[in-house]
Amino acid sequence: MTDERRPDPAAGQESLAQGQQEQRAGRMAAAMECFAQAVDQARAGGDRELEIAARRDLAIVHHLRGETRAAHRLCLQSRDLALEIGHDRLAAETFIALGNFHYEEGRISAALTQYRLAAKLGAAFPEVQARVAQNLGILATVRGRLDEASDHYHAALRLYRTADDMRGEAMAHHNLGMVCADRRDWDAADQQYALAAELARRAGEWHLEGLCLLNQAEILLARQRYEMVRGLAEQALAIFRDCDARRDEAGALRMLGVAYARLGRPTLAESRLRSALEIAEATGQRLLEAETSRDLAVLCHHDGRHAEVAGWLQRAERLFEHLDARLDLEQLVALKGELASA
């Protein structure tokens, strides 16, 4: 008589929940292990819904680590399974994840298509609608449509509150802070980031707290408090490295590079900026690649390396145009004029 043990249905759910907890705490390697275990447990027990959720979450962690191919493969598998069994909410969540991947790769139209599909499939689920609104706000922000972006973020905030989603509320406040910063309303931006950071701490969202620190550094940069910018960027970098969030590590390195440039330390500045650019290229972050190219142009100009300036500016302009980043393009035109007359 064989001793065949039936899979424990609760074990897979426990692995999924543990993985989500590890991800919130920024322990990405541990999260990956839990999600992979949940996939195997789901397959062994024939739990399709669990498998869909676990593959999606595993894809997102791969994405955060800059592992683009694995992220796309797992997310597409999750999507196909969700559509196969007709589970609208889970399918909508995979469309959102794919949209986020496309956005960060600079494929704006593809991202918009994914978000619209998610909105259609997830019409009955406030938490899905909140995430769609939030991501539509991000696309509007990149395109310089700040009023539209603000409307989307406020809609997301209301929906997250309805769903009692503290992490979602934190993200909505974080994104509203970005709109305020684009409007140069630094006090309002600071208030929004402070709210987001407090909610992130209460929700145990270590990675999101790092993002808030990085954006607070952006405000201090505008206020010319460069040593404080360096300190916050170093804190954010430590968080992202602890979280194994390679994509966000690039953003922190870029901010450090800018801070060092303002502090009159061009060699350190270039080292950090080139590291940021390398990660941005490797992980497909086209907006960050454009921003870093622009920063390198400014650094080269102030360092007297005028022959290199035009190449960096052209690279930044090409990428901003590809992303339809209109506000960034306007600022780049102004920067060109400043550098030409300096």
Protein backbone atom coordinates (compact mmCIF):
# COMPACT_ATOMS: atom_id res chain seq x y z
CA MET A 1 0.00 0.00 0.00
CA THR A 2 1.53 3.32 -1.06
CA ASP A 3 1.72 6.28 1.32
CA GLU A 4 0.53 9.08 -0.95
CA ARG A 5 0.06 12.35 0.83
CA ARG A 6 -2.54 14.69 -0.52
CA PRO A 7 -1.38 18.30 -0.93
CA ASP A 8 -2.49 20.55 1.91
CA PRO A 9 -4.71 23.26 0.34
CA ALA A 10 -3.79 25.70 3.10
CA ALA A 11 -0.04 25.31 2.62
CA GLY A 12 0.01 27.09 -0.76
CA GLN A 13 -2.01 30.01 0.57
CA GLU A 14 0.35 30.27 3.52
CA SER A 15 3.34 30.36 1.16
CA LEU A 16 1.69 33.09 -0.91
CA ALA A 17 0.86 35.17 2.16
CA GLN A 18 4.38 34.71 3.52
CA GLY A 19 5.85 35.78 0.19
CA GLN A 20 3.75 38.93 0.17
CA GLN A 21 4.87 39.70 3.70
CA GLU A 22 8.51 39.19 2.75
CA GLN A 23 8.06 41.44 -0.30
CA ARG A 24 6.49 44.22 1.79
CA ALA A 25 9.44 44.00 4.17
CA GLY A 26 11.84 44.24 1.22
CA ARG A 27 13.25 40.71 1.50
CA MET A 28 13.01 39.92 -2.21
CA ALA A 29 15.02 36.69 -2.26
CA ALA A 30 12.86 35.23 0.50
CA ALA A 31 9.72 36.44 -1.28
CA MET A 32 10.80 34.71 -4.50
CA GLU A 33 11.33 31.45 -2.66
CA CYS A 34 7.86 31.64 -1.07
CA PHE A 35 6.13 32.50 -4.35
CA ALA A 36 7.94 29.71 -6.22
CA GLN A 37 6.90 27.28 -3.49
CA ALA A 38 3.32 28.51 -3.76
CA VAL A 39 3.36 27.87 -7.52
CA ASP A 40 4.53 24.29 -7.00
CA GLN A 41 2.00 23.70 -4.21
CA ALA A 42 -0.79 25.12 -6.36
CA ARG A 43 0.11 22.89 -9.28
CA ALA A 44 0.30 19.82 -7.06
CA GLY A 45 -3.11 20.58 -5.59
CA GLY A 46 -4.75 21.71 -8.82
CA ASP A 47 -5.49 25.17 -7.36
CA ARG A 48 -5.53 27.34 -10.48
CA GLU A 49 -6.41 30.58 -8.71
CA LEU A 50 -3.49 30.21 -6.32
CA GLU A 51 -1.15 29.41 -9.20
CA ILE A 52 -2.27 32.53 -11.07
CA ALA A 53 -1.68 34.79 -8.06
CA ALA A 54 1.67 33.19 -7.18
CA ARG A 55 3.01 33.43 -10.75
CA ARG A 56 1.93 37.08 -10.94
CA ASP A 57 3.61 37.98 -7.65
CA LEU A 58 6.74 36.07 -8.61
CA ALA A 59 6.80 38.01 -11.89
CA ILE A 60 6.61 41.33 -10.01
CA VAL A 61 9.56 40.42 -7.78
CA HIS A 62 11.62 39.46 -10.84
CA HIS A 63 10.67 42.83 -12.33
CA LEU A 64 11.85 44.70 -9.23
CA ARG A 65 15.13 42.81 -9.40
CA GLY A 66 15.58 43.91 -13.02
CA GLU A 67 15.03 40.40 -14.44
CA THR A 68 12.84 41.42 -17.34
CA ARG A 69 12.55 38.17 -19.29
CA ALA A 70 11.52 36.10 -16.30
CA ALA A 71 9.05 38.79 -15.23
CA HIS A 72 7.30 38.86 -18.61
CA ARG A 73 7.25 35.08 -18.97
CA LEU A 74 5.68 34.48 -15.57
CA CYS A 75 3.16 37.29 -15.94
CA LEU A 76 2.02 36.06 -19.34
CA GLN A 77 1.59 32.56 -17.90
CA SER A 78 -0.49 34.03 -15.07
CA ARG A 79 -2.60 36.02 -17.53
CA ASP A 80 -3.25 33.05 -19.79
CA LEU A 81 -4.32 30.86 -16.86
CA ALA A 82 -6.67 33.58 -15.56
CA LEU A 83 -8.30 34.03 -18.96
CA GLU A 84 -8.56 30.26 -19.38
CA ILE A 85 -10.61 29.83 -16.22
CA GLY A 86 -12.53 33.09 -16.71
CA HIS A 87 -11.38 34.77 -13.48
CA ASP A 88 -11.87 38.47 -14.24
CA ARG A 89 -10.23 39.94 -11.14
CA LEU A 90 -7.06 37.87 -11.41
CA ALA A 91 -6.85 38.49 -15.16
CA ALA A 92 -7.24 42.24 -14.56
CA GLU A 93 -4.41 42.17 -12.02
CA THR A 94 -2.08 40.50 -14.52
CA PHE A 95 -2.98 43.10 -17.15
CA ILE A 96 -2.03 45.82 -14.65
CA ALA A 97 1.31 44.15 -13.94
CA LEU A 98 2.04 43.82 -17.67
CA GLY A 99 1.06 47.46 -18.16
CA ASN A 100 3.55 48.47 -15.49
CA PHE A 101 6.29 46.46 -17.17
CA HIS A 102 5.53 48.09 -20.54
CA TYR A 103 5.44 51.59 -19.04
CA GLU A 104 8.88 51.27 -17.47
CA GLU A 105 10.23 50.00 -20.78
CA GLY A 106 8.91 53.15 -22.47
CA ARG A 107 6.10 51.35 -24.33
CA ILE A 108 3.41 53.83 -23.39
CA SER A 109 0.75 52.77 -25.90
CA ALA A 110 1.17 49.12 -24.93
CA ALA A 111 0.86 50.04 -21.26
CA LEU A 112 -2.31 52.02 -21.89
CA THR A 113 -3.84 49.05 -23.72
CA GLN A 114 -3.13 46.78 -20.75
CA TYR A 115 -4.66 49.24 -18.27
CA ARG A 116 -7.81 49.58 -20.38
CA LEU A 117 -8.18 45.81 -20.52
CA ALA A 118 -7.75 45.68 -16.76
CA ALA A 119 -10.42 48.35 -16.26
CA LYS A 120 -12.87 46.43 -18.44
CA LEU A 121 -12.31 43.09 -16.74
CA GLY A 122 -12.09 44.54 -13.24
CA ALA A 123 -15.11 46.84 -13.40
CA ALA A 124 -16.75 45.13 -10.41
CA PHE A 125 -13.69 45.35 -8.15
CA PRO A 126 -12.82 48.69 -6.43
CA GLU A 127 -9.26 47.58 -5.67
CA VAL A 128 -8.64 46.91 -9.37
CA GLN A 129 -10.20 50.21 -10.42
CA ALA A 130 -8.01 52.00 -7.87
CA ARG A 131 -4.85 50.52 -9.35
CA VAL A 132 -5.97 51.32 -12.90
CA ALA A 133 -6.67 54.93 -11.91
CA GLN A 134 -3.28 55.17 -10.24
CA ASN A 135 -1.42 53.90 -13.29
CA LEU A 136 -3.37 56.09 -15.68
CA GLY A 137 -2.28 58.96 -13.45
CA ILE A 138 1.34 57.94 -13.87
CA LEU A 139 1.00 57.94 -17.67
CA ALA A 140 -0.65 61.37 -17.54
CA THR A 141 2.17 62.66 -15.31
CA VAL A 142 4.84 61.53 -17.78
CA ARG A 143 2.99 63.31 -20.57
CA GLY A 144 2.80 66.52 -18.53
CA ARG A 145 -1.00 66.37 -18.13
CA LEU A 146 -0.89 67.27 -14.46
CA ASP A 147 -4.57 68.12 -13.93
CA GLU A 148 -5.57 64.80 -15.47
CA ALA A 149 -2.98 62.99 -13.37
CA SER A 150 -4.23 64.63 -10.18
CA ASP A 151 -7.80 63.59 -10.96
CA HIS A 152 -6.70 59.97 -11.45
CA TYR A 153 -4.71 59.95 -8.20
CA HIS A 154 -7.57 61.43 -6.18
CA ALA A 155 -9.91 58.82 -7.65
CA ALA A 156 -7.42 56.10 -6.70
CA LEU A 157 -7.15 57.49 -3.17
CA ARG A 158 -10.93 57.36 -2.70
CA LEU A 159 -11.09 53.79 -3.99
CA TYR A 160 -8.20 52.63 -1.83
CA ARG A 161 -9.88 54.09 1.23
CA THR A 162 -13.10 52.29 0.31
CA ALA A 163 -11.13 49.04 0.04
CA ASP A 164 -9.26 49.80 3.32
CA ASP A 165 -5.96 49.41 1.46
CA MET A 166 -3.30 51.32 3.44
CA ARG A 167 -0.53 50.48 0.99
CA GLY A 168 -2.64 51.79 -1.88
CA GLU A 169 -3.36 54.99 0.03
CA ALA A 170 0.37 55.45 0.58
CA MET A 171 1.04 55.04 -3.15
CA ALA A 172 -1.71 57.54 -4.04
CA HIS A 173 -0.24 60.16 -1.68
CA HIS A 174 3.22 59.41 -3.06
CA ASN A 175 2.02 60.03 -6.62
CA LEU A 176 0.12 63.18 -5.64
CA GLY A 177 3.41 64.40 -4.21
CA MET A 178 5.01 63.88 -7.61
CA VAL A 179 2.33 66.03 -9.25
CA CYS A 180 2.89 68.78 -6.68
CA ALA A 181 6.64 68.57 -7.30
CA ASP A 182 6.12 68.90 -11.07
CA ARG A 183 4.09 72.04 -10.31
CA ARG A 184 6.99 73.32 -8.15
CA ASP A 185 4.68 73.37 -5.13
CA TRP A 186 7.36 72.03 -2.82
CA ASP A 187 5.47 72.45 0.45
CA ALA A 188 2.46 70.51 -0.83
CA ALA A 189 4.75 67.83 -2.28
CA ASP A 190 6.56 67.49 1.03
CA GLN A 191 3.23 67.05 2.86
CA GLN A 192 2.11 64.33 0.45
CA TYR A 193 5.40 62.43 0.72
CA ALA A 194 5.29 62.67 4.53
CA LEU A 195 1.77 61.20 4.52
CA ALA A 196 2.88 58.46 2.14
CA ALA A 197 5.94 57.61 4.25
CA GLU A 198 3.86 57.40 7.45
CA LEU A 199 1.30 55.11 5.82
CA ALA A 200 4.11 53.01 4.32
CA ARG A 201 5.68 52.58 7.77
CA ARG A 202 2.35 51.62 9.31
CA ALA A 203 1.74 49.10 6.53
CA GLY A 204 5.25 47.65 6.85
CA GLU A 205 6.12 48.76 3.30
CA TRP A 206 9.88 49.19 3.60
CA HIS A 207 10.42 49.48 -0.16
CA LEU A 208 7.76 52.19 -0.54
CA GLU A 209 9.29 54.13 2.34
CA GLY A 210 12.53 54.15 0.35
CA LEU A 211 10.70 55.66 -2.63
CA CYS A 212 9.29 58.39 -0.39
CA LEU A 213 12.78 59.22 0.90
CA LEU A 214 14.05 59.47 -2.68
CA ASN A 215 11.28 61.87 -3.67
CA GLN A 216 11.80 63.97 -0.56
CA ALA A 217 15.41 64.26 -1.72
CA GLU A 218 14.09 65.70 -5.00
CA ILE A 219 12.37 68.48 -3.05
CA LEU A 220 15.54 69.23 -1.08
CA LEU A 221 17.43 69.36 -4.39
CA ALA A 222 15.08 72.09 -5.60
CA ARG A 223 15.71 73.94 -2.33
CA GLN A 224 19.49 73.59 -2.85
CA ARG A 225 20.08 71.59 0.35
CA TYR A 226 22.56 69.33 -1.33
CA GLU A 227 24.11 67.65 1.72
CA MET A 228 20.64 66.67 2.91
CA VAL A 229 19.90 65.34 -0.59
CA ARG A 230 22.99 63.17 -0.36
CA GLY A 231 21.94 61.84 3.05
CA LEU A 232 18.42 60.89 1.97
CA ALA A 233 19.65 59.34 -1.27
CA GLU A 234 22.14 57.22 0.71
CA GLN A 235 19.31 56.05 3.01
CA ALA A 236 17.11 55.18 0.02
CA LEU A 237 19.98 53.35 -1.68
CA ALA A 238 20.58 51.25 1.44
CA ILE A 239 16.90 50.31 1.55
CA PHE A 240 16.79 49.35 -2.12
CA ARG A 241 19.94 47.26 -1.82
CA ASP A 242 18.54 45.51 1.23
CA CYS A 243 15.35 44.89 -0.74
CA ASP A 244 17.30 43.72 -3.81
CA ALA A 245 15.23 46.29 -5.75
CA ARG A 246 17.76 46.90 -8.51
CA ARG A 247 15.48 49.10 -10.58
CA ASP A 248 15.03 51.59 -7.75
CA GLU A 249 18.71 51.37 -6.84
CA ALA A 250 19.36 53.13 -10.15
CA GLY A 251 17.13 56.06 -9.15
CA ALA A 252 18.94 56.46 -5.84
CA LEU A 253 22.33 56.36 -7.61
CA ARG A 254 21.18 59.05 -10.02
CA MET A 255 20.09 61.29 -7.13
CA LEU A 256 23.45 60.73 -5.42
CA GLY A 257 25.21 61.68 -8.65
CA VAL A 258 23.28 64.93 -8.90
CA ALA A 259 23.96 65.72 -5.23
CA TYR A 260 27.69 65.12 -5.61
CA ALA A 261 27.75 67.32 -8.73
CA ARG A 262 26.13 70.17 -6.78
CA LEU A 263 28.58 69.63 -3.92
CA GLY A 264 31.52 70.10 -6.28
CA ARG A 265 32.63 66.47 -6.39
CA PRO A 266 32.48 65.72 -10.15
CA THR A 267 34.40 62.42 -10.10
CA LEU A 268 32.05 60.85 -7.56
CA ALA A 269 29.10 62.41 -9.39
CA GLU A 270 30.05 60.82 -12.71
CA SER A 271 30.66 57.44 -11.09
CA ARG A 272 27.18 57.40 -9.54
CA LEU A 273 25.49 58.68 -12.69
CA ARG A 274 27.17 56.13 -14.92
CA SER A 275 26.20 53.34 -12.50
CA ALA A 276 22.61 54.59 -12.59
CA LEU A 277 22.68 54.69 -16.39
CA GLU A 278 24.06 51.17 -16.63
CA ILE A 279 21.28 49.76 -14.43
CA ALA A 280 18.61 51.83 -16.20
CA GLU A 281 19.73 50.45 -19.58
CA ALA A 282 19.92 46.87 -18.29
CA THR A 283 16.47 47.01 -16.70
CA GLY A 284 14.76 48.89 -19.52
CA GLN A 285 13.99 52.08 -17.57
CA ARG A 286 13.82 54.53 -20.44
CA LEU A 287 12.66 57.56 -18.44
CA LEU A 288 15.46 57.16 -15.92
CA GLU A 289 17.92 56.62 -18.76
CA ALA A 290 16.80 59.93 -20.28
CA GLU A 291 17.02 61.80 -16.97
CA THR A 292 20.48 60.44 -16.25
CA SER A 293 21.70 61.31 -19.75
CA ARG A 294 20.49 64.88 -19.18
CA ASP A 295 22.32 65.00 -15.83
CA LEU A 296 25.52 63.75 -17.45
CA ALA A 297 25.24 66.51 -20.05
CA VAL A 298 25.10 69.12 -17.28
CA LEU A 299 28.02 67.52 -15.45
CA CYS A 300 30.16 67.42 -18.59
CA HIS A 301 29.37 71.07 -19.30
CA HIS A 302 30.41 72.23 -15.82
CA ASP A 303 33.51 70.01 -16.00
CA GLY A 304 34.58 71.72 -19.24
CA ARG A 305 34.04 68.61 -21.41
CA HIS A 306 31.95 70.44 -23.98
CA ALA A 307 32.49 67.88 -26.76
CA GLU A 308 30.45 65.32 -24.80
CA VAL A 309 27.52 67.56 -23.95
CA ALA A 310 25.71 67.39 -27.29
CA GLY A 311 25.75 63.58 -27.36
CA TRP A 312 24.17 63.29 -23.92
CA LEU A 313 21.56 65.93 -24.74
CA GLN A 314 20.63 64.19 -28.00
CA ARG A 315 20.27 60.89 -26.20
CA ALA A 316 18.02 62.44 -23.56
CA GLU A 317 15.90 64.21 -26.16
CA ARG A 318 15.42 61.04 -28.22
CA LEU A 319 14.27 59.09 -25.18
CA PHE A 320 11.95 61.82 -23.89
CA GLU A 321 10.36 62.08 -27.34
CA HIS A 322 9.87 58.32 -27.45
CA LEU A 323 8.10 58.48 -24.07
CA ASP A 324 6.03 61.54 -25.06
CA ALA A 325 7.41 63.16 -21.89
CA ARG A 326 6.34 66.66 -22.81
CA LEU A 327 7.22 68.44 -19.58
CA ASP A 328 10.70 66.93 -19.64
CA LEU A 329 11.12 67.96 -23.27
CA GLU A 330 10.15 71.55 -22.44
CA GLN A 331 12.66 71.61 -19.61
CA LEU A 332 15.32 70.10 -21.87
CA VAL A 333 14.83 72.90 -24.43
CA ALA A 334 15.29 75.46 -21.65
CA LEU A 335 18.40 73.62 -20.44
CA LYS A 336 19.90 73.66 -23.92
CA GLY A 337 19.46 77.42 -24.02
CA GLU A 338 21.09 77.83 -20.61
CA LEU A 339 24.07 75.70 -21.52
CA ALA A 340 24.52 77.42 -24.87
CA SER A 341 24.59 80.88 -23.26
CA ALA A 342 26.78 79.90 -20.30
